[in-house]
Amino acid sequence: MSVEIGNYSFEGYYSSPTYLDDEPGLYAVFCRQYEKDVLVDIGESENVKSRVQDNEQSSCWIRNCPSALGYAVLYTPDLDEKGRMQIEEEIRDQYNPVCGRK
């Protein structure tokens, strides 16, 4: 299954970050509520799974999601950090996720 976020097709939704791989890419955190998924956060990392599992924003995710969190990922083996950050900022600007500003 894929999730369209902006101009990008992410893999997911996953109910747990354990389903993610430790590969370079972007992760999206959603709050799954009332038939509508709300983007709570977007980020990038060289190791997506580890980043999501040990994220300083996780308390914000939980605080802003009264129901279940869901995760989606866009693996980007051909992009460096700068390329991933450009996509992250593009999506942040478009969706303005509640836990998304650093």
PDB file of N, CA and C in Angstrom:
ATOM      1  N   MET A   1       0.831  -1.167   0.000  1.00  0.00           N
ATOM      2  CA  MET A   1       0.000   0.000   0.000  1.00  0.00           C
ATOM      3  C   MET A   1       0.883   1.240   0.000  1.00  0.00           C
ATOM      4  N   SER A   2       0.439   2.278  -0.669  1.00  0.00           N
ATOM      5  CA  SER A   2       1.217   3.507  -0.677  1.00  0.00           C
ATOM      6  C   SER A   2       0.361   4.687  -0.221  1.00  0.00           C
ATOM      7  N   VAL A   3       1.041   5.701   0.268  1.00  0.00           N
ATOM      8  CA  VAL A   3       0.418   6.902   0.787  1.00  0.00           C
ATOM      9  C   VAL A   3       0.991   8.088   0.014  1.00  0.00           C
ATOM     10  N   GLU A   4       0.136   8.861  -0.605  1.00  0.00           N
ATOM     11  CA  GLU A   4       0.596  10.037  -1.329  1.00  0.00           C
ATOM     12  C   GLU A   4       0.720  11.207  -0.362  1.00  0.00           C
ATOM     13  N   ILE A   5       1.915  11.770  -0.282  1.00  0.00           N
ATOM     14  CA  ILE A   5       2.164  12.948   0.536  1.00  0.00           C
ATOM     15  C   ILE A   5       2.838  13.961  -0.376  1.00  0.00           C
ATOM     16  N   GLY A   6       2.117  15.014  -0.693  1.00  0.00           N
ATOM     17  CA  GLY A   6       2.635  15.967  -1.667  1.00  0.00           C
ATOM     18  C   GLY A   6       2.823  15.264  -2.997  1.00  0.00           C
ATOM     19  N   ASN A   7       4.005  15.401  -3.567  1.00  0.00           N
ATOM     20  CA  ASN A   7       4.330  14.769  -4.850  1.00  0.00           C
ATOM     21  C   ASN A   7       5.041  13.436  -4.687  1.00  0.00           C
ATOM     22  N   TYR A   8       4.978  12.846  -3.507  1.00  0.00           N
ATOM     23  CA  TYR A   8       5.760  11.658  -3.203  1.00  0.00           C
ATOM     24  C   TYR A   8       4.871  10.498  -2.776  1.00  0.00           C
ATOM     25  N   SER A   9       5.299   9.303  -3.139  1.00  0.00           N
ATOM     26  CA  SER A   9       4.571   8.095  -2.795  1.00  0.00           C
ATOM     27  C   SER A   9       5.343   7.354  -1.703  1.00  0.00           C
ATOM     28  N   PHE A  10       4.830   7.408  -0.482  1.00  0.00           N
ATOM     29  CA  PHE A  10       5.436   6.756   0.673  1.00  0.00           C
ATOM     30  C   PHE A  10       4.874   5.348   0.811  1.00  0.00           C
ATOM     31  N   GLU A  11       5.667   4.448   1.385  1.00  0.00           N
ATOM     32  CA  GLU A  11       5.196   3.109   1.719  1.00  0.00           C
ATOM     33  C   GLU A  11       4.507   3.160   3.083  1.00  0.00           C
ATOM     34  N   GLY A  12       3.417   2.464   3.221  1.00  0.00           N
ATOM     35  CA  GLY A  12       2.729   2.434   4.505  1.00  0.00           C
ATOM     36  C   GLY A  12       1.237   2.380   4.278  1.00  0.00           C
ATOM     37  N   TYR A  13       0.502   2.468   5.302  1.00  0.00           N
ATOM     38  CA  TYR A  13       0.726   2.788   6.687  1.00  0.00           C
ATOM     39  C   TYR A  13       1.182   1.556   7.446  1.00  0.00           C
ATOM     40  N   TYR A  14       2.078   1.830   8.388  1.00  0.00           N
ATOM     41  CA  TYR A  14       2.523   0.795   9.309  1.00  0.00           C
ATOM     42  C   TYR A  14       2.044   1.167  10.707  1.00  0.00           C
ATOM     43  N   SER A  15       1.644   0.180  11.474  1.00  0.00           N
ATOM     44  CA  SER A  15       1.133   0.423  12.818  1.00  0.00           C
ATOM     45  C   SER A  15       2.249   0.575  13.853  1.00  0.00           C
ATOM     46  N   SER A  16       3.464   0.233  13.470  1.00  0.00           N
ATOM     47  CA  SER A  16       4.595   0.303  14.388  1.00  0.00           C
ATOM     48  C   SER A  16       5.869   0.596  13.604  1.00  0.00           C
ATOM     49  N   PRO A  17       6.806   1.338  14.190  1.00  0.00           N
ATOM     50  CA  PRO A  17       8.075   1.581  13.500  1.00  0.00           C
ATOM     51  C   PRO A  17       8.927   0.323  13.351  1.00  0.00           C
ATOM     52  N   THR A  18       8.557  -0.761  14.023  1.00  0.00           N
ATOM     53  CA  THR A  18       9.325  -2.000  13.870  1.00  0.00           C
ATOM     54  C   THR A  18       9.258  -2.525  12.437  1.00  0.00           C
ATOM     55  N   TYR A  19       8.259  -2.091  11.680  1.00  0.00           N
ATOM     56  CA  TYR A  19       8.120  -2.521  10.287  1.00  0.00           C
ATOM     57  C   TYR A  19       9.003  -1.719   9.328  1.00  0.00           C
ATOM     58  N   LEU A  20       9.634  -0.672   9.829  1.00  0.00           N
ATOM     59  CA  LEU A  20      10.497   0.168   8.994  1.00  0.00           C
ATOM     60  C   LEU A  20      11.891  -0.444   8.923  1.00  0.00           C
ATOM     61  N   ASP A  21      12.659  -0.027   7.931  1.00  0.00           N
ATOM     62  CA  ASP A  21      14.043  -0.477   7.781  1.00  0.00           C
ATOM     63  C   ASP A  21      14.997   0.645   8.164  1.00  0.00           C
ATOM     64  N   ASP A  22      16.178   0.282   8.611  1.00  0.00           N
ATOM     65  CA  ASP A  22      17.214   1.273   8.904  1.00  0.00           C
ATOM     66  C   ASP A  22      17.962   1.612   7.623  1.00  0.00           C
ATOM     67  N   GLU A  23      17.298   2.364   6.795  1.00  0.00           N
ATOM     68  CA  GLU A  23      17.845   2.825   5.522  1.00  0.00           C
ATOM     69  C   GLU A  23      17.621   4.328   5.429  1.00  0.00           C
ATOM     70  N   PRO A  24      18.340   5.009   4.537  1.00  0.00           N
ATOM     71  CA  PRO A  24      18.129   6.446   4.365  1.00  0.00           C
ATOM     72  C   PRO A  24      16.741   6.732   3.798  1.00  0.00           C
ATOM     73  N   GLY A  25      16.113   7.783   4.315  1.00  0.00           N
ATOM     74  CA  GLY A  25      14.814   8.145   3.778  1.00  0.00           C
ATOM     75  C   GLY A  25      14.092   9.165   4.623  1.00  0.00           C
ATOM     76  N   LEU A  26      12.815   9.295   4.334  1.00  0.00           N
ATOM     77  CA  LEU A  26      11.928  10.180   5.072  1.00  0.00           C
ATOM     78  C   LEU A  26      10.850   9.354   5.732  1.00  0.00           C
ATOM     79  N   TYR A  27      10.423   9.804   6.894  1.00  0.00           N
ATOM     80  CA  TYR A  27       9.335   9.128   7.606  1.00  0.00           C
ATOM     81  C   TYR A  27       8.220  10.134   7.838  1.00  0.00           C
ATOM     82  N   ALA A  28       7.011   9.635   7.825  1.00  0.00           N
ATOM     83  CA  ALA A  28       5.832  10.441   8.117  1.00  0.00           C
ATOM     84  C   ALA A  28       5.088   9.777   9.261  1.00  0.00           C
ATOM     85  N   VAL A  29       4.659  10.593  10.214  1.00  0.00           N
ATOM     86  CA  VAL A  29       3.893  10.102  11.358  1.00  0.00           C
ATOM     87  C   VAL A  29       2.484  10.664  11.236  1.00  0.00           C
ATOM     88  N   PHE A  30       1.509   9.772  11.275  1.00  0.00           N
ATOM     89  CA  PHE A  30       0.103  10.147  11.125  1.00  0.00           C
ATOM     90  C   PHE A  30      -0.682   9.807  12.368  1.00  0.00           C
ATOM     91  N   CYS A  31      -1.707  10.581  12.612  1.00  0.00           N
ATOM     92  CA  CYS A  31      -2.701  10.236  13.610  1.00  0.00           C
ATOM     93  C   CYS A  31      -3.892   9.678  12.840  1.00  0.00           C
ATOM     94  N   ARG A  32      -4.234   8.444  13.131  1.00  0.00           N
ATOM     95  CA  ARG A  32      -5.316   7.773  12.421  1.00  0.00           C
ATOM     96  C   ARG A  32      -6.599   7.964  13.207  1.00  0.00           C
ATOM     97  N   GLN A  33      -7.470   8.836  12.687  1.00  0.00           N
ATOM     98  CA  GLN A  33      -8.702   9.131  13.408  1.00  0.00           C
ATOM     99  C   GLN A  33      -9.851   9.406  12.459  1.00  0.00           C
ATOM    100  N   TYR A  34     -10.991   8.835  12.783  1.00  0.00           N
ATOM    101  CA  TYR A  34     -12.246   9.124  12.092  1.00  0.00           C
ATOM    102  C   TYR A  34     -12.143   9.062  10.569  1.00  0.00           C
ATOM    103  N   GLU A  35     -11.585   7.996  10.036  1.00  0.00           N
ATOM    104  CA  GLU A  35     -11.506   7.799   8.589  1.00  0.00           C
ATOM    105  C   GLU A  35     -10.601   8.817   7.902  1.00  0.00           C
ATOM    106  N   LYS A  36      -9.945   9.666   8.673  1.00  0.00           N
ATOM    107  CA  LYS A  36      -9.057  10.667   8.100  1.00  0.00           C
ATOM    108  C   LYS A  36      -7.715  10.577   8.817  1.00  0.00           C
ATOM    109  N   ASP A  37      -6.649  10.532   8.050  1.00  0.00           N
ATOM    110  CA  ASP A  37      -5.313  10.489   8.622  1.00  0.00           C
ATOM    111  C   ASP A  37      -4.718  11.893   8.595  1.00  0.00           C
ATOM    112  N   VAL A  38      -4.226  12.336   9.740  1.00  0.00           N
ATOM    113  CA  VAL A  38      -3.668  13.668   9.874  1.00  0.00           C
ATOM    114  C   VAL A  38      -2.159  13.558  10.045  1.00  0.00           C
ATOM    115  N   LEU A  39      -1.413  14.259   9.195  1.00  0.00           N
ATOM    116  CA  LEU A  39       0.042  14.260   9.300  1.00  0.00           C
ATOM    117  C   LEU A  39       0.458  15.019  10.560  1.00  0.00           C
ATOM    118  N   VAL A  40       1.129  14.325  11.463  1.00  0.00           N
ATOM    119  CA  VAL A  40       1.568  14.898  12.729  1.00  0.00           C
ATOM    120  C   VAL A  40       3.008  15.385  12.630  1.00  0.00           C
ATOM    121  N   ASP A  41       3.848  14.654  11.880  1.00  0.00           N
ATOM    122  CA  ASP A  41       5.258  15.007  11.763  1.00  0.00           C
ATOM    123  C   ASP A  41       5.843  14.382  10.498  1.00  0.00           C
ATOM    124  N   ILE A  42       6.911  14.985  10.027  1.00  0.00           N
ATOM    125  CA  ILE A  42       7.684  14.472   8.892  1.00  0.00           C
ATOM    126  C   ILE A  42       9.152  14.696   9.239  1.00  0.00           C
ATOM    127  N   GLY A  43       9.995  13.754   8.876  1.00  0.00           N
ATOM    128  CA  GLY A  43      11.414  13.906   9.160  1.00  0.00           C
ATOM    129  C   GLY A  43      12.249  13.075   8.208  1.00  0.00           C
ATOM    130  N   GLU A  44      13.555  13.255   8.310  1.00  0.00           N
ATOM    131  CA  GLU A  44      14.472  12.503   7.462  1.00  0.00           C
ATOM    132  C   GLU A  44      15.587  11.933   8.315  1.00  0.00           C
ATOM    133  N   SER A  45      16.198  10.873   7.812  1.00  0.00           N
ATOM    134  CA  SER A  45      17.297  10.258   8.541  1.00  0.00           C
ATOM    135  C   SER A  45      18.075   9.317   7.642  1.00  0.00           C
ATOM    136  N   GLU A  46      19.301   9.090   8.012  1.00  0.00           N
ATOM    137  CA  GLU A  46      20.124   8.073   7.366  1.00  0.00           C
ATOM    138  C   GLU A  46      19.656   6.679   7.784  1.00  0.00           C
ATOM    139  N   ASN A  47      19.045   6.596   8.971  1.00  0.00           N
ATOM    140  CA  ASN A  47      18.549   5.340   9.537  1.00  0.00           C
ATOM    141  C   ASN A  47      17.119   5.558  10.046  1.00  0.00           C
ATOM    142  N   VAL A  48      16.159   5.408   9.161  1.00  0.00           N
ATOM    143  CA  VAL A  48      14.766   5.767   9.450  1.00  0.00           C
ATOM    144  C   VAL A  48      14.209   5.045  10.673  1.00  0.00           C
ATOM    145  N   LYS A  49      14.349   3.741  10.720  1.00  0.00           N
ATOM    146  CA  LYS A  49      13.755   2.978  11.823  1.00  0.00           C
ATOM    147  C   LYS A  49      14.280   3.459  13.175  1.00  0.00           C
ATOM    148  N   SER A  50      15.591   3.565  13.321  1.00  0.00           N
ATOM    149  CA  SER A  50      16.192   4.002  14.576  1.00  0.00           C
ATOM    150  C   SER A  50      15.737   5.408  14.947  1.00  0.00           C
ATOM    151  N   ARG A  51      15.647   6.267  13.951  1.00  0.00           N
ATOM    152  CA  ARG A  51      15.235   7.650  14.201  1.00  0.00           C
ATOM    153  C   ARG A  51      13.803   7.729  14.728  1.00  0.00           C
ATOM    154  N   VAL A  52      12.916   6.964  14.139  1.00  0.00           N
ATOM    155  CA  VAL A  52      11.526   6.986  14.568  1.00  0.00           C
ATOM    156  C   VAL A  52      11.394   6.369  15.963  1.00  0.00           C
ATOM    157  N   GLN A  53      12.100   5.283  16.211  1.00  0.00           N
ATOM    158  CA  GLN A  53      11.990   4.605  17.507  1.00  0.00           C
ATOM    159  C   GLN A  53      12.571   5.429  18.651  1.00  0.00           C
ATOM    160  N   ASP A  54      13.527   6.300  18.363  1.00  0.00           N
ATOM    161  CA  ASP A  54      14.182   7.092  19.403  1.00  0.00           C
ATOM    162  C   ASP A  54      14.105   8.569  19.027  1.00  0.00           C
ATOM    163  N   ASN A  55      12.884   9.075  18.913  1.00  0.00           N
ATOM    164  CA  ASN A  55      12.682  10.434  18.429  1.00  0.00           C
ATOM    165  C   ASN A  55      12.254  11.356  19.564  1.00  0.00           C
ATOM    166  N   GLU A  56      12.923  12.492  19.663  1.00  0.00           N
ATOM    167  CA  GLU A  56      12.602  13.445  20.731  1.00  0.00           C
ATOM    168  C   GLU A  56      11.215  14.054  20.569  1.00  0.00           C
ATOM    169  N   GLN A  57      10.612  13.923  19.400  1.00  0.00           N
ATOM    170  CA  GLN A  57       9.276  14.454  19.155  1.00  0.00           C
ATOM    171  C   GLN A  57       8.166  13.455  19.511  1.00  0.00           C
ATOM    172  N   SER A  58       8.520  12.254  19.922  1.00  0.00           N
ATOM    173  CA  SER A  58       7.498  11.226  20.148  1.00  0.00           C
ATOM    174  C   SER A  58       6.462  11.650  21.195  1.00  0.00           C
ATOM    175  N   SER A  59       6.859  12.417  22.191  1.00  0.00           N
ATOM    176  CA  SER A  59       5.871  12.879  23.176  1.00  0.00           C
ATOM    177  C   SER A  59       4.874  13.834  22.531  1.00  0.00           C
ATOM    178  N   CYS A  60       5.317  14.631  21.577  1.00  0.00           N
ATOM    179  CA  CYS A  60       4.416  15.515  20.836  1.00  0.00           C
ATOM    180  C   CYS A  60       3.457  14.689  19.981  1.00  0.00           C
ATOM    181  N   TRP A  61       3.943  13.623  19.363  1.00  0.00           N
ATOM    182  CA  TRP A  61       3.092  12.752  18.549  1.00  0.00           C
ATOM    183  C   TRP A  61       1.952  12.199  19.404  1.00  0.00           C
ATOM    184  N   ILE A  62       2.310  11.671  20.570  1.00  0.00           N
ATOM    185  CA  ILE A  62       1.321  11.046  21.452  1.00  0.00           C
ATOM    186  C   ILE A  62       0.349  12.090  22.001  1.00  0.00           C
ATOM    187  N   ARG A  63       0.874  13.227  22.397  1.00  0.00           N
ATOM    188  CA  ARG A  63       0.039  14.299  22.957  1.00  0.00           C
ATOM    189  C   ARG A  63      -0.998  14.804  21.950  1.00  0.00           C
ATOM    190  N   ASN A  64      -0.657  14.779  20.668  1.00  0.00           N
ATOM    191  CA  ASN A  64      -1.530  15.309  19.625  1.00  0.00           C
ATOM    192  C   ASN A  64      -2.313  14.251  18.880  1.00  0.00           C
ATOM    193  N   CYS A  65      -2.283  13.026  19.399  1.00  0.00           N
ATOM    194  CA  CYS A  65      -3.018  11.952  18.738  1.00  0.00           C
ATOM    195  C   CYS A  65      -3.763  11.115  19.771  1.00  0.00           C
ATOM    196  N   PRO A  66      -5.060  11.365  19.928  1.00  0.00           N
ATOM    197  CA  PRO A  66      -5.835  10.611  20.908  1.00  0.00           C
ATOM    198  C   PRO A  66      -6.115   9.170  20.478  1.00  0.00           C
ATOM    199  N   SER A  67      -5.851   8.868  19.215  1.00  0.00           N
ATOM    200  CA  SER A  67      -6.073   7.504  18.713  1.00  0.00           C
ATOM    201  C   SER A  67      -4.720   6.895  18.339  1.00  0.00           C
ATOM    202  N   ALA A  68      -4.682   6.041  17.352  1.00  0.00           N
ATOM    203  CA  ALA A  68      -3.464   5.309  16.996  1.00  0.00           C
ATOM    204  C   ALA A  68      -2.576   6.086  16.036  1.00  0.00           C
ATOM    205  N   LEU A  69      -1.276   5.972  16.261  1.00  0.00           N
ATOM    206  CA  LEU A  69      -0.301   6.529  15.328  1.00  0.00           C
ATOM    207  C   LEU A  69      -0.080   5.550  14.185  1.00  0.00           C
ATOM    208  N   GLY A  70       0.217   6.086  13.020  1.00  0.00           N
ATOM    209  CA  GLY A  70       0.583   5.287  11.862  1.00  0.00           C
ATOM    210  C   GLY A  70       1.829   5.880  11.235  1.00  0.00           C
ATOM    211  N   TYR A  71       2.595   5.054  10.546  1.00  0.00           N
ATOM    212  CA  TYR A  71       3.873   5.483   9.988  1.00  0.00           C
ATOM    213  C   TYR A  71       3.930   5.152   8.504  1.00  0.00           C
ATOM    214  N   ALA A  72       4.593   6.028   7.758  1.00  0.00           N
ATOM    215  CA  ALA A  72       4.837   5.783   6.340  1.00  0.00           C
ATOM    216  C   ALA A  72       6.289   6.175   6.068  1.00  0.00           C
ATOM    217  N   VAL A  73       6.866   5.608   5.031  1.00  0.00           N
ATOM    218  CA  VAL A  73       8.287   5.846   4.763  1.00  0.00           C
ATOM    219  C   VAL A  73       8.535   5.983   3.268  1.00  0.00           C
ATOM    220  N   LEU A  74       9.485   6.843   2.952  1.00  0.00           N
ATOM    221  CA  LEU A  74       9.977   7.008   1.587  1.00  0.00           C
ATOM    222  C   LEU A  74      11.478   6.760   1.645  1.00  0.00           C
ATOM    223  N   TYR A  75      11.906   5.593   1.203  1.00  0.00           N
ATOM    224  CA  TYR A  75      13.334   5.280   1.201  1.00  0.00           C
ATOM    225  C   TYR A  75      13.997   6.011   0.042  1.00  0.00           C
ATOM    226  N   THR A  76      15.151   6.622   0.339  1.00  0.00           N
ATOM    227  CA  THR A  76      15.844   7.439  -0.665  1.00  0.00           C
ATOM    228  C   THR A  76      17.329   7.083  -0.706  1.00  0.00           C
ATOM    229  N   PRO A  77      17.671   5.889  -1.183  1.00  0.00           N
ATOM    230  CA  PRO A  77      19.081   5.479  -1.180  1.00  0.00           C
ATOM    231  C   PRO A  77      19.978   6.347  -2.060  1.00  0.00           C
ATOM    232  N   ASP A  78      19.397   7.048  -3.026  1.00  0.00           N
ATOM    233  CA  ASP A  78      20.189   7.853  -3.950  1.00  0.00           C
ATOM    234  C   ASP A  78      20.294   9.318  -3.552  1.00  0.00           C
ATOM    235  N   LEU A  79      19.682   9.693  -2.422  1.00  0.00           N
ATOM    236  CA  LEU A  79      19.743  11.079  -1.971  1.00  0.00           C
ATOM    237  C   LEU A  79      20.648  11.218  -0.755  1.00  0.00           C
ATOM    238  N   ASP A  80      21.351  12.336  -0.685  1.00  0.00           N
ATOM    239  CA  ASP A  80      22.123  12.642   0.512  1.00  0.00           C
ATOM    240  C   ASP A  80      21.233  13.406   1.493  1.00  0.00           C
ATOM    241  N   GLU A  81      21.789  13.776   2.629  1.00  0.00           N
ATOM    242  CA  GLU A  81      21.013  14.461   3.661  1.00  0.00           C
ATOM    243  C   GLU A  81      20.383  15.748   3.124  1.00  0.00           C
ATOM    244  N   LYS A  82      21.126  16.501   2.343  1.00  0.00           N
ATOM    245  CA  LYS A  82      20.605  17.760   1.799  1.00  0.00           C
ATOM    246  C   LYS A  82      19.375  17.510   0.925  1.00  0.00           C
ATOM    247  N   GLY A  83      19.416  16.486   0.103  1.00  0.00           N
ATOM    248  CA  GLY A  83      18.275  16.143  -0.748  1.00  0.00           C
ATOM    249  C   GLY A  83      17.067  15.719   0.059  1.00  0.00           C
ATOM    250  N   ARG A  84      17.303  14.928   1.110  1.00  0.00           N
ATOM    251  CA  ARG A  84      16.198  14.510   1.982  1.00  0.00           C
ATOM    252  C   ARG A  84      15.600  15.702   2.715  1.00  0.00           C
ATOM    253  N   MET A  85      16.457  16.608   3.165  1.00  0.00           N
ATOM    254  CA  MET A  85      15.984  17.785   3.893  1.00  0.00           C
ATOM    255  C   MET A  85      15.145  18.704   2.996  1.00  0.00           C
ATOM    256  N   GLN A  86      15.482  18.771   1.730  1.00  0.00           N
ATOM    257  CA  GLN A  86      14.686  19.585   0.800  1.00  0.00           C
ATOM    258  C   GLN A  86      13.266  19.029   0.677  1.00  0.00           C
ATOM    259  N   ILE A  87      13.151  17.718   0.565  1.00  0.00           N
ATOM    260  CA  ILE A  87      11.823  17.091   0.495  1.00  0.00           C
ATOM    261  C   ILE A  87      11.074  17.302   1.804  1.00  0.00           C
ATOM    262  N   GLU A  88      11.767  17.128   2.927  1.00  0.00           N
ATOM    263  CA  GLU A  88      11.156  17.326   4.239  1.00  0.00           C
ATOM    264  C   GLU A  88      10.576  18.737   4.355  1.00  0.00           C
ATOM    265  N   GLU A  89      11.342  19.747   3.982  1.00  0.00           N
ATOM    266  CA  GLU A  89      10.876  21.131   4.081  1.00  0.00           C
ATOM    267  C   GLU A  89       9.701  21.399   3.136  1.00  0.00           C
ATOM    268  N   GLU A  90       9.758  20.810   1.952  1.00  0.00           N
ATOM    269  CA  GLU A  90       8.657  20.957   0.989  1.00  0.00           C
ATOM    270  C   GLU A  90       7.348  20.424   1.594  1.00  0.00           C
ATOM    271  N   ILE A  91       7.426  19.252   2.213  1.00  0.00           N
ATOM    272  CA  ILE A  91       6.232  18.652   2.813  1.00  0.00           C
ATOM    273  C   ILE A  91       5.797  19.435   4.055  1.00  0.00           C
ATOM    274  N   ARG A  92       6.738  19.875   4.874  1.00  0.00           N
ATOM    275  CA  ARG A  92       6.396  20.688   6.050  1.00  0.00           C
ATOM    276  C   ARG A  92       5.648  21.958   5.628  1.00  0.00           C
ATOM    277  N   ASP A  93       6.158  22.616   4.602  1.00  0.00           N
ATOM    278  CA  ASP A  93       5.533  23.856   4.131  1.00  0.00           C
ATOM    279  C   ASP A  93       4.123  23.608   3.613  1.00  0.00           C
ATOM    280  N   GLN A  94       3.920  22.474   2.958  1.00  0.00           N
ATOM    281  CA  GLN A  94       2.621  22.167   2.376  1.00  0.00           C
ATOM    282  C   GLN A  94       1.595  21.730   3.420  1.00  0.00           C
ATOM    283  N   TYR A  95       2.016  20.932   4.420  1.00  0.00           N
ATOM    284  CA  TYR A  95       1.075  20.324   5.367  1.00  0.00           C
ATOM    285  C   TYR A  95       1.092  20.942   6.768  1.00  0.00           C
ATOM    286  N   ASN A  96       2.163  21.638   7.109  1.00  0.00           N
ATOM    287  CA  ASN A  96       2.292  22.274   8.422  1.00  0.00           C
ATOM    288  C   ASN A  96       1.947  21.319   9.577  1.00  0.00           C
ATOM    289  N   PRO A  97       2.652  20.185   9.699  1.00  0.00           N
ATOM    290  CA  PRO A  97       2.342  19.230  10.759  1.00  0.00           C
ATOM    291  C   PRO A  97       2.556  19.829  12.155  1.00  0.00           C
ATOM    292  N   VAL A  98       1.677  19.478  13.073  1.00  0.00           N
ATOM    293  CA  VAL A  98       1.664  20.065  14.406  1.00  0.00           C
ATOM    294  C   VAL A  98       2.981  19.832  15.168  1.00  0.00           C
ATOM    295  N   CYS A  99       3.647  18.728  14.942  1.00  0.00           N
ATOM    296  CA  CYS A  99       4.925  18.450  15.603  1.00  0.00           C
ATOM    297  C   CYS A  99       6.083  18.658  14.644  1.00  0.00           C
ATOM    298  N   GLY A 100       5.837  19.378  13.594  1.00  0.00           N
ATOM    299  CA  GLY A 100       6.815  19.428  12.510  1.00  0.00           C
ATOM    300  C   GLY A 100       7.833  20.527  12.520  1.00  0.00           C
ATOM    301  N   ARG A 101       7.715  21.517  13.324  1.00  0.00           N
ATOM    302  CA  ARG A 101       8.713  22.597  13.284  1.00  0.00           C
ATOM    303  C   ARG A 101       9.795  22.356  14.314  1.00  0.00           C
ATOM    304  N   LYS A 102      11.013  22.590  13.865  1.00  0.00           N
ATOM    305  CA  LYS A 102      12.168  22.390  14.753  1.00  0.00           C
ATOM    306  C   LYS A 102      12.529  23.683  15.426  1.00  0.00           C
TER     307      LYS A 102
END
